[in-house]
Amino acid sequence: MLNWIKRRLFKRRIPPEIALAKKLIRAIDNGGIPLYPGRVNAIARNLGLEVSTRAPVEQTIERIRACLERV
């Protein structure tokens, strides 16, 4: 019971842009495909990455993965 209380009180807050990026990568790893490249680019920009509108989605996803590994 005490461990549960500690986890609830001292839980590390994840910034929303990182949580959204992790959710995207998890969905792709589970077999999903991004249907809207603009959303992938928006997630990358929220992480601070510079993304070209002409860049392939696969390249942007790899850059997001690399960014998440650094965090």
N, C-alpha and C. Protein backbone atom coordinates (compact mmCIF):
# COMPACT_ATOMS: atom_id res chain seq x y z
N MET A 1 0.82 -1.19 0.00
CA MET A 1 0.00 0.00 0.00
C MET A 1 0.86 1.25 0.00
N LEU A 2 1.92 1.26 0.77
CA LEU A 2 2.80 2.42 0.85
C LEU A 2 3.51 2.66 -0.47
N ASN A 3 3.92 1.60 -1.14
CA ASN A 3 4.56 1.75 -2.45
C ASN A 3 3.60 2.36 -3.46
N TRP A 4 2.35 1.98 -3.41
CA TRP A 4 1.34 2.53 -4.31
C TRP A 4 1.20 4.03 -4.10
N ILE A 5 1.16 4.44 -2.84
CA ILE A 5 1.03 5.87 -2.52
C ILE A 5 2.26 6.63 -3.00
N LYS A 6 3.44 6.06 -2.81
CA LYS A 6 4.67 6.71 -3.25
C LYS A 6 4.67 6.88 -4.77
N ARG A 7 4.26 5.83 -5.49
CA ARG A 7 4.22 5.93 -6.94
C ARG A 7 3.24 6.99 -7.41
N ARG A 8 2.11 7.11 -6.75
CA ARG A 8 1.11 8.11 -7.14
C ARG A 8 1.56 9.53 -6.82
N LEU A 9 2.22 9.72 -5.71
CA LEU A 9 2.63 11.06 -5.31
C LEU A 9 3.89 11.54 -6.02
N PHE A 10 4.83 10.65 -6.23
CA PHE A 10 6.12 11.04 -6.78
C PHE A 10 6.31 10.58 -8.22
N LYS A 11 5.21 10.37 -8.91
CA LYS A 11 5.28 9.94 -10.30
C LYS A 11 5.87 11.05 -11.15
N ARG A 12 6.81 10.68 -11.98
CA ARG A 12 7.44 11.65 -12.87
C ARG A 12 6.48 12.02 -13.98
N ARG A 13 6.27 13.29 -14.17
CA ARG A 13 5.37 13.77 -15.21
C ARG A 13 6.10 13.80 -16.55
N ILE A 14 5.48 13.21 -17.55
CA ILE A 14 6.04 13.20 -18.90
C ILE A 14 5.41 14.36 -19.67
N PRO A 15 6.22 15.18 -20.33
CA PRO A 15 5.65 16.28 -21.12
C PRO A 15 4.72 15.73 -22.20
N PRO A 16 3.66 16.46 -22.52
CA PRO A 16 2.66 15.94 -23.47
C PRO A 16 3.22 15.68 -24.87
N GLU A 17 4.19 16.46 -25.32
CA GLU A 17 4.72 16.22 -26.66
C GLU A 17 5.51 14.92 -26.72
N ILE A 18 6.18 14.57 -25.62
CA ILE A 18 6.91 13.30 -25.59
C ILE A 18 5.93 12.13 -25.48
N ALA A 19 4.89 12.30 -24.68
CA ALA A 19 3.88 11.25 -24.55
C ALA A 19 3.20 10.98 -25.89
N LEU A 20 2.92 12.03 -26.66
CA LEU A 20 2.28 11.87 -27.96
C LEU A 20 3.22 11.19 -28.94
N ALA A 21 4.50 11.54 -28.90
CA ALA A 21 5.48 10.90 -29.77
C ALA A 21 5.63 9.42 -29.43
N LYS A 22 5.65 9.10 -28.15
CA LYS A 22 5.74 7.69 -27.74
C LYS A 22 4.51 6.91 -28.19
N LYS A 23 3.36 7.55 -28.10
CA LYS A 23 2.12 6.90 -28.53
C LYS A 23 2.16 6.63 -30.04
N LEU A 24 2.67 7.58 -30.82
CA LEU A 24 2.80 7.39 -32.27
C LEU A 24 3.73 6.22 -32.59
N ILE A 25 4.90 6.20 -31.95
CA ILE A 25 5.88 5.14 -32.21
C ILE A 25 5.32 3.78 -31.78
N ARG A 26 4.63 3.73 -30.65
CA ARG A 26 4.03 2.48 -30.19
C ARG A 26 3.00 1.97 -31.19
N ALA A 27 2.19 2.87 -31.74
CA ALA A 27 1.18 2.47 -32.72
C ALA A 27 1.83 1.95 -34.00
N ILE A 28 2.91 2.60 -34.43
CA ILE A 28 3.61 2.14 -35.63
C ILE A 28 4.25 0.78 -35.39
N ASP A 29 4.84 0.58 -34.22
CA ASP A 29 5.46 -0.70 -33.89
C ASP A 29 4.43 -1.83 -33.82
N ASN A 30 3.20 -1.50 -33.50
CA ASN A 30 2.14 -2.50 -33.43
C ASN A 30 1.49 -2.75 -34.78
N GLY A 31 2.06 -2.21 -35.85
CA GLY A 31 1.56 -2.50 -37.18
C GLY A 31 0.73 -1.41 -37.80
N GLY A 32 0.57 -0.31 -37.13
CA GLY A 32 -0.20 0.79 -37.70
C GLY A 32 0.62 1.60 -38.69
N ILE A 33 -0.08 2.33 -39.53
CA ILE A 33 0.60 3.22 -40.46
C ILE A 33 0.03 4.62 -40.29
N PRO A 34 0.89 5.62 -40.32
CA PRO A 34 0.39 6.99 -40.18
C PRO A 34 -0.35 7.40 -41.45
N LEU A 35 -1.61 7.77 -41.30
CA LEU A 35 -2.42 8.13 -42.45
C LEU A 35 -2.28 9.59 -42.84
N TYR A 36 -1.86 10.42 -41.91
CA TYR A 36 -1.77 11.84 -42.17
C TYR A 36 -0.34 12.32 -41.87
N PRO A 37 0.46 12.50 -42.91
CA PRO A 37 1.86 12.91 -42.69
C PRO A 37 1.99 14.25 -41.97
N GLY A 38 1.03 15.12 -42.13
CA GLY A 38 1.09 16.42 -41.45
C GLY A 38 1.10 16.27 -39.95
N ARG A 39 0.38 15.28 -39.45
CA ARG A 39 0.35 15.05 -38.00
C ARG A 39 1.72 14.54 -37.51
N VAL A 40 2.34 13.68 -38.28
CA VAL A 40 3.67 13.19 -37.92
C VAL A 40 4.66 14.35 -37.90
N ASN A 41 4.56 15.23 -38.90
CA ASN A 41 5.44 16.40 -38.94
C ASN A 41 5.18 17.33 -37.76
N ALA A 42 3.92 17.49 -37.37
CA ALA A 42 3.59 18.35 -36.23
C ALA A 42 4.18 17.79 -34.94
N ILE A 43 4.11 16.48 -34.77
CA ILE A 43 4.68 15.85 -33.58
C ILE A 43 6.19 16.07 -33.56
N ALA A 44 6.84 15.92 -34.71
CA ALA A 44 8.29 16.13 -34.78
C ALA A 44 8.64 17.59 -34.47
N ARG A 45 7.85 18.52 -34.98
CA ARG A 45 8.13 19.93 -34.71
C ARG A 45 7.94 20.25 -33.23
N ASN A 46 6.94 19.63 -32.59
CA ASN A 46 6.72 19.85 -31.17
C ASN A 46 7.89 19.33 -30.33
N LEU A 47 8.62 18.36 -30.87
CA LEU A 47 9.80 17.85 -30.18
C LEU A 47 11.03 18.73 -30.43
N GLY A 48 10.89 19.72 -31.31
CA GLY A 48 11.99 20.62 -31.60
C GLY A 48 12.78 20.24 -32.84
N LEU A 49 12.27 19.30 -33.62
CA LEU A 49 12.96 18.90 -34.84
C LEU A 49 12.54 19.78 -36.00
N GLU A 50 13.48 20.10 -36.88
CA GLU A 50 13.15 20.82 -38.10
C GLU A 50 12.81 19.79 -39.15
N VAL A 51 11.59 19.90 -39.71
CA VAL A 51 11.10 18.90 -40.65
C VAL A 51 10.68 19.59 -41.94
N SER A 52 11.16 19.08 -43.04
CA SER A 52 10.75 19.58 -44.34
C SER A 52 9.41 18.96 -44.72
N THR A 53 8.60 19.72 -45.42
CA THR A 53 7.31 19.18 -45.86
C THR A 53 7.51 18.14 -46.95
N ARG A 54 8.68 18.13 -47.58
CA ARG A 54 8.97 17.15 -48.63
C ARG A 54 9.68 15.91 -48.10
N ALA A 55 10.01 15.90 -46.84
CA ALA A 55 10.72 14.75 -46.26
C ALA A 55 9.78 13.55 -46.19
N PRO A 56 10.27 12.37 -46.51
CA PRO A 56 9.44 11.17 -46.40
C PRO A 56 9.02 10.92 -44.94
N VAL A 57 7.83 10.38 -44.77
CA VAL A 57 7.31 10.12 -43.43
C VAL A 57 8.22 9.14 -42.68
N GLU A 58 8.76 8.16 -43.39
CA GLU A 58 9.63 7.17 -42.75
C GLU A 58 10.86 7.83 -42.14
N GLN A 59 11.41 8.81 -42.86
CA GLN A 59 12.58 9.52 -42.35
C GLN A 59 12.22 10.32 -41.10
N THR A 60 11.07 10.96 -41.12
CA THR A 60 10.62 11.74 -39.96
C THR A 60 10.40 10.84 -38.77
N ILE A 61 9.82 9.67 -39.00
CA ILE A 61 9.58 8.72 -37.91
C ILE A 61 10.90 8.26 -37.30
N GLU A 62 11.91 8.02 -38.14
CA GLU A 62 13.21 7.61 -37.62
C GLU A 62 13.84 8.73 -36.79
N ARG A 63 13.65 9.96 -37.21
CA ARG A 63 14.19 11.08 -36.44
C ARG A 63 13.46 11.21 -35.10
N ILE A 64 12.16 10.94 -35.09
CA ILE A 64 11.41 10.97 -33.83
C ILE A 64 11.91 9.86 -32.91
N ARG A 65 12.15 8.67 -33.46
CA ARG A 65 12.69 7.57 -32.65
C ARG A 65 14.03 7.94 -32.02
N ALA A 66 14.89 8.55 -32.83
CA ALA A 66 16.21 8.95 -32.32
C ALA A 66 16.07 10.00 -31.22
N CYS A 67 15.14 10.90 -31.40
CA CYS A 67 14.91 11.94 -30.38
C CYS A 67 14.42 11.32 -29.07
N LEU A 68 13.52 10.35 -29.18
CA LEU A 68 13.00 9.70 -27.98
C LEU A 68 14.06 8.89 -27.26
N GLU A 69 15.02 8.35 -28.00
CA GLU A 69 16.10 7.60 -27.36
C GLU A 69 17.01 8.53 -26.55
N ARG A 70 17.14 9.78 -27.01
CA ARG A 70 17.99 10.74 -26.30
C ARG A 70 17.32 11.25 -25.02
N VAL A 71 16.00 11.18 -24.98
CA VAL A 71 15.27 11.74 -23.83
C VAL A 71 15.32 10.80 -22.66
